N, C-alpha and C. Protein backbone atom coordinates (compact mmCIF):
# COMPACT_ATOMS: atom_id res chain seq x y z
N UNK A 1 97.11 106.60 100.62
CA UNK A 1 98.04 107.23 99.71
C UNK A 1 97.46 108.49 99.08
N UNK A 2 98.31 109.40 98.68
CA UNK A 2 97.87 110.63 98.04
C UNK A 2 97.12 110.32 96.75
N UNK A 3 96.15 111.16 96.45
CA UNK A 3 95.34 111.05 95.23
C UNK A 3 94.52 109.77 95.16
N UNK A 4 94.17 109.19 96.28
CA UNK A 4 93.25 108.06 96.32
C UNK A 4 92.14 108.37 97.32
N UNK A 5 91.05 107.66 97.21
CA UNK A 5 89.95 107.86 98.15
C UNK A 5 90.19 107.15 99.47
N UNK A 6 91.13 106.20 99.49
CA UNK A 6 91.38 105.41 100.69
C UNK A 6 90.59 104.11 100.73
N UNK A 7 89.63 103.96 99.82
CA UNK A 7 88.83 102.74 99.77
C UNK A 7 89.54 101.68 98.93
N UNK A 8 89.43 100.42 99.34
CA UNK A 8 90.06 99.34 98.59
C UNK A 8 89.28 98.05 98.79
N UNK A 9 89.49 97.11 97.88
CA UNK A 9 88.89 95.77 97.98
C UNK A 9 89.86 94.91 98.79
N UNK A 10 89.43 94.33 99.90
CA UNK A 10 90.35 93.59 100.76
C UNK A 10 90.84 92.28 100.13
N UNK A 11 92.01 91.86 100.55
CA UNK A 11 92.58 90.60 100.10
C UNK A 11 91.93 89.44 100.86
N UNK A 12 92.20 88.23 100.42
CA UNK A 12 91.70 87.04 101.12
C UNK A 12 92.24 87.00 102.55
N UNK A 13 93.50 87.39 102.74
CA UNK A 13 94.08 87.41 104.08
C UNK A 13 93.39 88.40 104.99
N UNK A 14 93.05 89.58 104.46
CA UNK A 14 92.32 90.56 105.26
C UNK A 14 90.92 90.07 105.57
N UNK A 15 90.30 89.36 104.65
CA UNK A 15 88.97 88.79 104.89
C UNK A 15 89.02 87.67 105.92
N UNK A 16 90.14 87.00 106.02
CA UNK A 16 90.30 85.97 107.06
C UNK A 16 90.17 86.61 108.44
N UNK A 17 90.69 87.82 108.59
CA UNK A 17 90.53 88.57 109.85
C UNK A 17 89.04 88.81 110.12
N UNK A 18 88.30 89.20 109.09
CA UNK A 18 86.85 89.41 109.25
C UNK A 18 86.20 88.12 109.71
N UNK A 19 86.58 87.02 109.07
CA UNK A 19 86.01 85.73 109.41
C UNK A 19 86.30 85.34 110.86
N UNK A 20 87.51 85.60 111.30
CA UNK A 20 87.91 85.28 112.68
C UNK A 20 87.19 86.15 113.71
N UNK A 21 86.69 87.31 113.30
CA UNK A 21 86.05 88.26 114.21
C UNK A 21 84.64 88.62 113.75
N UNK A 22 83.97 87.69 113.09
CA UNK A 22 82.70 87.96 112.43
C UNK A 22 81.62 88.49 113.38
N UNK A 23 81.44 87.89 114.53
CA UNK A 23 80.39 88.33 115.45
C UNK A 23 80.63 89.74 115.95
N UNK A 24 81.85 90.06 116.29
CA UNK A 24 82.19 91.40 116.79
C UNK A 24 81.98 92.44 115.69
N UNK A 25 82.45 92.13 114.48
CA UNK A 25 82.30 93.07 113.37
C UNK A 25 80.83 93.26 113.03
N UNK A 26 80.07 92.18 112.96
CA UNK A 26 78.64 92.28 112.65
C UNK A 26 77.91 93.14 113.69
N UNK A 27 78.12 92.87 114.96
CA UNK A 27 77.45 93.64 116.01
C UNK A 27 77.86 95.11 115.97
N UNK A 28 79.12 95.39 115.70
CA UNK A 28 79.59 96.78 115.60
C UNK A 28 78.93 97.50 114.43
N UNK A 29 78.79 96.82 113.30
CA UNK A 29 78.15 97.42 112.14
C UNK A 29 76.68 97.73 112.40
N UNK A 30 75.98 96.79 113.01
CA UNK A 30 74.56 97.00 113.31
C UNK A 30 74.39 98.10 114.35
N UNK A 31 75.23 98.12 115.39
CA UNK A 31 75.14 99.16 116.42
C UNK A 31 75.42 100.55 115.87
N UNK A 32 76.22 100.62 114.81
CA UNK A 32 76.54 101.91 114.19
C UNK A 32 75.49 102.32 113.16
N UNK A 33 74.45 101.50 112.99
CA UNK A 33 73.38 101.82 112.06
C UNK A 33 73.61 101.30 110.65
N UNK A 34 74.60 100.44 110.48
CA UNK A 34 74.90 99.88 109.17
C UNK A 34 74.09 98.62 108.90
N UNK A 35 74.39 98.02 107.77
CA UNK A 35 73.68 96.80 107.40
C UNK A 35 74.43 95.58 107.92
N UNK A 36 73.89 94.43 107.66
CA UNK A 36 74.49 93.18 108.10
C UNK A 36 75.76 92.88 107.31
N UNK A 37 76.61 92.07 107.85
CA UNK A 37 77.84 91.68 107.15
C UNK A 37 77.73 90.25 106.65
N UNK A 38 76.51 89.71 106.56
CA UNK A 38 76.32 88.34 106.12
C UNK A 38 76.01 88.28 104.63
N UNK A 39 76.94 87.72 103.86
CA UNK A 39 76.77 87.56 102.42
C UNK A 39 77.97 86.82 101.86
N UNK A 40 78.10 86.83 100.55
CA UNK A 40 79.30 86.32 99.88
C UNK A 40 79.99 87.53 99.26
N UNK A 41 81.23 87.76 99.64
CA UNK A 41 81.95 88.95 99.20
C UNK A 41 83.19 88.60 98.38
N UNK A 42 83.42 89.37 97.34
CA UNK A 42 84.64 89.24 96.55
C UNK A 42 85.83 89.71 97.37
N UNK A 43 86.99 89.12 97.12
CA UNK A 43 88.25 89.63 97.64
C UNK A 43 89.07 90.11 96.43
N UNK A 44 90.18 90.74 96.68
CA UNK A 44 91.06 91.17 95.59
C UNK A 44 92.05 90.09 95.20
N UNK A 45 91.99 88.93 95.86
CA UNK A 45 92.97 87.87 95.65
C UNK A 45 92.55 86.90 94.54
N UNK A 46 93.40 86.81 93.54
CA UNK A 46 93.17 85.83 92.47
C UNK A 46 93.82 84.51 92.87
N UNK A 47 93.29 83.42 92.36
CA UNK A 47 93.84 82.09 92.64
C UNK A 47 95.18 81.94 91.93
N UNK A 48 96.19 81.50 92.64
CA UNK A 48 97.54 81.38 92.07
C UNK A 48 97.59 80.38 90.92
N UNK A 49 96.80 79.32 91.00
CA UNK A 49 96.86 78.29 89.96
C UNK A 49 96.03 78.63 88.72
N UNK A 50 95.13 79.62 88.83
CA UNK A 50 94.29 80.00 87.68
C UNK A 50 93.84 81.46 87.81
N UNK A 51 94.77 82.41 87.82
CA UNK A 51 94.40 83.81 88.04
C UNK A 51 93.53 84.40 86.94
N UNK A 52 93.58 83.80 85.76
CA UNK A 52 92.76 84.32 84.66
C UNK A 52 91.28 84.02 84.85
N UNK A 53 90.94 83.02 85.67
CA UNK A 53 89.53 82.63 85.78
C UNK A 53 88.99 82.55 87.21
N UNK A 54 89.85 82.46 88.22
CA UNK A 54 89.37 82.23 89.59
C UNK A 54 89.81 83.33 90.56
N UNK A 55 88.94 83.57 91.50
CA UNK A 55 89.18 84.56 92.56
C UNK A 55 88.73 83.95 93.88
N UNK A 56 89.19 84.51 94.99
CA UNK A 56 88.75 84.03 96.29
C UNK A 56 87.61 84.91 96.80
N UNK A 57 86.64 84.25 97.42
CA UNK A 57 85.48 84.94 97.98
C UNK A 57 85.32 84.55 99.45
N UNK A 58 84.69 85.41 100.19
CA UNK A 58 84.41 85.20 101.60
C UNK A 58 82.93 84.89 101.74
N UNK A 59 82.59 83.78 102.41
CA UNK A 59 81.20 83.41 102.64
C UNK A 59 80.88 83.57 104.12
N UNK A 60 79.94 84.45 104.43
CA UNK A 60 79.50 84.64 105.81
C UNK A 60 77.99 84.42 105.96
N UNK A 61 77.38 83.78 104.97
CA UNK A 61 75.93 83.56 105.01
C UNK A 61 75.53 82.62 106.16
N UNK A 62 74.48 82.97 106.90
CA UNK A 62 73.98 82.07 107.94
C UNK A 62 73.54 80.74 107.33
N UNK A 63 73.84 79.66 108.02
CA UNK A 63 73.45 78.34 107.56
C UNK A 63 74.44 77.69 106.62
N UNK A 64 75.48 78.41 106.26
CA UNK A 64 76.52 77.88 105.38
C UNK A 64 77.86 77.90 106.12
N UNK A 65 78.79 77.14 105.61
CA UNK A 65 80.13 77.12 106.20
C UNK A 65 80.78 78.49 106.01
N UNK A 66 81.28 79.06 107.08
CA UNK A 66 81.97 80.35 107.03
C UNK A 66 83.39 80.08 106.56
N UNK A 67 83.72 80.56 105.36
CA UNK A 67 85.01 80.22 104.79
C UNK A 67 85.41 81.19 103.69
N UNK A 68 86.67 81.09 103.29
CA UNK A 68 87.18 81.74 102.10
C UNK A 68 87.38 80.62 101.09
N UNK A 69 86.80 80.79 99.92
CA UNK A 69 86.82 79.72 98.93
C UNK A 69 87.12 80.28 97.54
N UNK A 70 87.56 79.41 96.65
CA UNK A 70 87.87 79.80 95.28
C UNK A 70 86.62 79.65 94.42
N UNK A 71 86.38 80.65 93.57
CA UNK A 71 85.23 80.59 92.67
C UNK A 71 85.57 81.27 91.36
N UNK A 72 84.84 80.91 90.33
CA UNK A 72 85.05 81.51 89.01
C UNK A 72 84.74 83.00 89.07
N UNK A 73 85.49 83.77 88.32
CA UNK A 73 85.28 85.21 88.26
C UNK A 73 83.94 85.60 87.66
N UNK A 74 83.36 84.71 86.88
CA UNK A 74 82.07 85.03 86.25
C UNK A 74 80.90 84.88 87.22
N UNK A 75 81.14 84.31 88.41
CA UNK A 75 80.06 84.14 89.40
C UNK A 75 79.72 85.50 90.03
N UNK A 76 78.49 85.63 90.46
CA UNK A 76 78.07 86.88 91.09
C UNK A 76 78.52 86.93 92.55
N UNK A 77 78.51 88.11 93.10
CA UNK A 77 78.88 88.29 94.49
C UNK A 77 78.82 89.76 94.87
N UNK A 78 78.82 90.01 96.14
CA UNK A 78 78.79 91.37 96.66
C UNK A 78 80.21 91.90 96.85
N UNK A 79 80.34 93.19 96.96
CA UNK A 79 81.62 93.83 97.22
C UNK A 79 81.51 94.57 98.55
N UNK A 80 82.49 94.37 99.41
CA UNK A 80 82.52 95.09 100.69
C UNK A 80 83.86 95.81 100.78
N UNK A 81 83.91 97.06 100.28
CA UNK A 81 85.18 97.78 100.31
C UNK A 81 85.56 98.18 101.73
N UNK A 82 86.84 98.40 101.92
CA UNK A 82 87.40 98.83 103.21
C UNK A 82 87.96 100.24 103.07
N UNK A 83 88.01 100.95 104.15
CA UNK A 83 88.60 102.28 104.16
C UNK A 83 89.91 102.21 104.92
N UNK A 84 90.98 102.62 104.27
CA UNK A 84 92.29 102.66 104.92
C UNK A 84 92.30 103.83 105.90
N UNK A 85 92.84 103.57 107.09
CA UNK A 85 92.94 104.65 108.07
C UNK A 85 94.17 104.49 108.91
């Protein structure tokens, strides 16, 4: 959109796409000289039953279940913005 940088925080649904294609995305990022995509990332999606306190996060850490899960907003996490194109 006009007057924006084009960067945005992805929704839980958009992160589900990342989860479904994790190996391809990770290899593409590394081949392009970027960093790994393994971490816990915030999404822009708040929990419907408790939007004041909970948000959905994406977990891609090795050794853990790869999933989108609900967590308190006060918990720490990384941000992986996306560029609209």
